[in-house]
C-alpha atoms as a PDB file:
ATOM      1  CA  MET A   1      -9.635   8.865 -11.561  1.00  0.00           C
ATOM      2  CA  LYS A   2     -10.700   6.596  -8.723  1.00  0.00           C
ATOM      3  CA  LEU A   3      -8.823   4.812  -5.968  1.00  0.00           C
ATOM      4  CA  ILE A   4      -9.374   1.073  -5.558  1.00  0.00           C
ATOM      5  CA  PHE A   5      -8.054  -1.078  -2.721  1.00  0.00           C
ATOM      6  CA  THR A   6      -7.670  -4.752  -3.565  1.00  0.00           C
ATOM      7  CA  SER A   7      -8.942  -7.241  -1.024  1.00  0.00           C
ATOM      8  CA  ALA A   8      -5.290  -8.033  -0.256  1.00  0.00           C
ATOM      9  CA  ALA A   9      -4.575  -4.355   0.487  1.00  0.00           C
ATOM     10  CA  ARG A  10      -7.627  -4.149   2.748  1.00  0.00           C
ATOM     11  CA  ALA A  11      -6.461  -7.284   4.576  1.00  0.00           C
ATOM     12  CA  ASP A  12      -2.998  -5.741   4.935  1.00  0.00           C
ATOM     13  CA  LEU A  13      -4.460  -2.608   6.526  1.00  0.00           C
ATOM     14  CA  GLN A  14      -6.544  -4.732   8.882  1.00  0.00           C
ATOM     15  CA  SER A  15      -3.473  -6.739   9.921  1.00  0.00           C
ATOM     16  CA  ILE A  16      -1.441  -3.586  10.489  1.00  0.00           C
ATOM     17  CA  GLY A  17      -4.206  -2.123  12.624  1.00  0.00           C
ATOM     18  CA  ASP A  18      -4.591  -5.349  14.597  1.00  0.00           C
ATOM     19  CA  ALA A  19      -0.850  -5.543  15.293  1.00  0.00           C
ATOM     20  CA  ILE A  20      -0.634  -1.935  16.491  1.00  0.00           C
ATOM     21  CA  ALA A  21      -3.841  -2.286  18.533  1.00  0.00           C
ATOM     22  CA  LYS A  22      -2.197  -4.879  20.765  1.00  0.00           C
ATOM     23  CA  GLU A  23      -0.063  -2.092  22.224  1.00  0.00           C
ATOM     24  CA  ASN A  24      -2.060   1.037  21.464  1.00  0.00           C
ATOM     25  CA  PRO A  25      -5.647   0.738  20.160  1.00  0.00           C
ATOM     26  CA  SER A  26      -6.149   4.449  19.527  1.00  0.00           C
ATOM     27  CA  ARG A  27      -2.885   4.713  17.584  1.00  0.00           C
ATOM     28  CA  ALA A  28      -3.920   1.743  15.469  1.00  0.00           C
ATOM     29  CA  VAL A  29      -6.920   3.689  14.199  1.00  0.00           C
ATOM     30  CA  THR A  30      -4.987   6.872  13.478  1.00  0.00           C
ATOM     31  CA  PHE A  31      -2.093   5.056  11.806  1.00  0.00           C
ATOM     32  CA  VAL A  32      -4.360   3.126   9.441  1.00  0.00           C
ATOM     33  CA  GLU A  33      -6.057   6.446   8.654  1.00  0.00           C
ATOM     34  CA  GLU A  34      -2.611   7.922   7.848  1.00  0.00           C
ATOM     35  CA  LEU A  35      -1.906   5.069   5.454  1.00  0.00           C
ATOM     36  CA  GLU A  36      -5.277   5.532   3.764  1.00  0.00           C
ATOM     37  CA  THR A  37      -4.668   9.286   3.482  1.00  0.00           C
ATOM     38  CA  ARG A  38      -1.308   8.646   1.800  1.00  0.00           C
ATOM     39  CA  CYS A  39      -3.079   6.357  -0.652  1.00  0.00           C
ATOM     40  CA  ARG A  40      -5.719   8.999  -1.424  1.00  0.00           C
ATOM     41  CA  ALA A  41      -2.968  11.575  -2.029  1.00  0.00           C
ATOM     42  CA  LEU A  42      -1.816   9.428  -4.953  1.00  0.00           C
ATOM     43  CA  LEU A  43      -4.837  10.711  -6.868  1.00  0.00           C
ATOM     44  CA  ASP A  44      -3.085  14.096  -7.165  1.00  0.00           C
ATOM     45  CA  MET A  45       0.262  12.757  -8.421  1.00  0.00           C
ATOM     46  CA  PRO A  46       0.012   9.053  -9.281  1.00  0.00           C
ATOM     47  CA  LEU A  47       3.334   8.881 -11.133  1.00  0.00           C
ATOM     48  CA  ALA A  48       5.337  10.670  -8.430  1.00  0.00           C
ATOM     49  CA  TYR A  49       6.747   7.490  -6.920  1.00  0.00           C
ATOM     50  CA  PRO A  50       9.194   5.077  -8.540  1.00  0.00           C
ATOM     51  CA  LEU A  51       8.472   1.844 -10.290  1.00  0.00           C
ATOM     52  CA  VAL A  52       9.612  -1.203  -8.359  1.00  0.00           C
ATOM     53  CA  THR A  53      12.726  -2.290 -10.243  1.00  0.00           C
ATOM     54  CA  TYR A  54      11.909  -5.981 -10.334  1.00  0.00           C
ATOM     55  CA  ARG A  55       8.262  -5.314 -11.227  1.00  0.00           C
ATOM     56  CA  LYS A  56       8.628  -2.601 -13.887  1.00  0.00           C
ATOM     57  CA  GLU A  57       6.948  -4.724 -16.530  1.00  0.00           C
ATOM     58  CA  ARG A  58       3.842  -4.910 -14.296  1.00  0.00           C
ATOM     59  CA  GLY A  59       3.819  -1.146 -13.659  1.00  0.00           C
ATOM     60  CA  ILE A  60       3.996  -1.569  -9.887  1.00  0.00           C
ATOM     61  CA  ARG A  61       5.075   1.522  -7.969  1.00  0.00           C
ATOM     62  CA  ARG A  62       6.077   1.951  -4.326  1.00  0.00           C
ATOM     63  CA  LEU A  63       5.308   4.707  -1.847  1.00  0.00           C
ATOM     64  CA  VAL A  64       7.039   4.647   1.550  1.00  0.00           C
ATOM     65  CA  HIS A  65       5.209   5.715   4.702  1.00  0.00           C
ATOM     66  CA  ASP A  66       7.116   5.298   7.954  1.00  0.00           C
ATOM     67  CA  LYS A  67       8.194   1.616   7.992  1.00  0.00           C
ATOM     68  CA  TYR A  68       5.511   0.564   5.523  1.00  0.00           C
ATOM     69  CA  LEU A  69       5.487   0.219   1.761  1.00  0.00           C
ATOM     70  CA  ILE A  70       2.410   0.941  -0.313  1.00  0.00           C
ATOM     71  CA  PHE A  71       2.459  -0.928  -3.627  1.00  0.00           C
ATOM     72  CA  TYR A  72       0.161   0.305  -6.352  1.00  0.00           C
ATOM     73  CA  ARG A  73      -0.456   0.353 -10.093  1.00  0.00           C
ATOM     74  CA  VAL A  74      -1.738   3.254 -12.176  1.00  0.00           C
ATOM     75  CA  GLU A  75      -4.344   2.353 -14.774  1.00  0.00           C
ATOM     76  CA  ALA A  76      -6.205   4.547 -17.265  1.00  0.00           C
ATOM     77  CA  ASP A  77      -9.033   5.462 -14.899  1.00  0.00           C
ATOM     78  CA  ALA A  78      -7.905   4.170 -11.490  1.00  0.00           C
ATOM     79  CA  ILE A  79      -5.100   3.730  -9.023  1.00  0.00           C
ATOM     80  CA  ILE A  80      -5.100   0.190  -7.696  1.00  0.00           C
ATOM     81  CA  ILE A  81      -3.624  -0.269  -4.214  1.00  0.00           C
ATOM     82  CA  LEU A  82      -2.186  -3.780  -4.332  1.00  0.00           C
ATOM     83  CA  HIS A  83      -0.586  -4.184  -0.910  1.00  0.00           C
ATOM     84  CA  VAL A  84       0.452  -2.242   2.178  1.00  0.00           C
ATOM     85  CA  LEU A  85       3.355  -4.110   3.766  1.00  0.00           C
ATOM     86  CA  ALA A  86       5.894  -3.670   6.513  1.00  0.00           C
ATOM     87  CA  GLY A  87       9.307  -3.004   4.986  1.00  0.00           C
ATOM     88  CA  ARG A  88      10.833  -5.896   6.930  1.00  0.00           C
ATOM     89  CA  MET A  89       8.620  -8.440   5.153  1.00  0.00           C
ATOM     90  CA  ASN A  90       9.662 -10.461   2.118  1.00  0.00           C
ATOM     91  CA  VAL A  91       7.808  -8.139  -0.225  1.00  0.00           C
ATOM     92  CA  ASP A  92       9.112  -9.776  -3.392  1.00  0.00           C
ATOM     93  CA  ALA A  93       7.599 -13.112  -2.438  1.00  0.00           C
ATOM     94  CA  ILE A  94       4.303 -11.501  -1.460  1.00  0.00           C
ATOM     95  CA  LEU A  95       4.078  -9.521  -4.698  1.00  0.00           C
ATOM     96  CA  ARG A  96       4.932 -12.632  -6.706  1.00  0.00           C
ATOM     97  CA  LEU A  97       2.132 -14.568  -4.991  1.00  0.00           C
ATOM     98  CA  SER A  98      -0.311 -11.740  -5.731  1.00  0.00           C
ATOM     99  CA  GLU A  99       0.158 -11.937  -9.494  1.00  0.00           C
END
């Protein structure tokens, strides 16, 4: 199984890093690395995290890391990271726009 980051997920990680870097550039790097490590850990147990209730039909799951939510979908041969978003954001609207 492989891990694939969508362009939206990559942009999310970049935005998170940029926001943290304004206050602490070195922490920005390590925090984005933490998020990426959590994503890679999904390869060991991809079904360990719950389906998003309002997106069950799409197979979207959610992993929480600190104040961030990692949204992903498990496919036959890959885990697709869809978005990495701050929990305070309107995630439903963002996920709807991503469909």
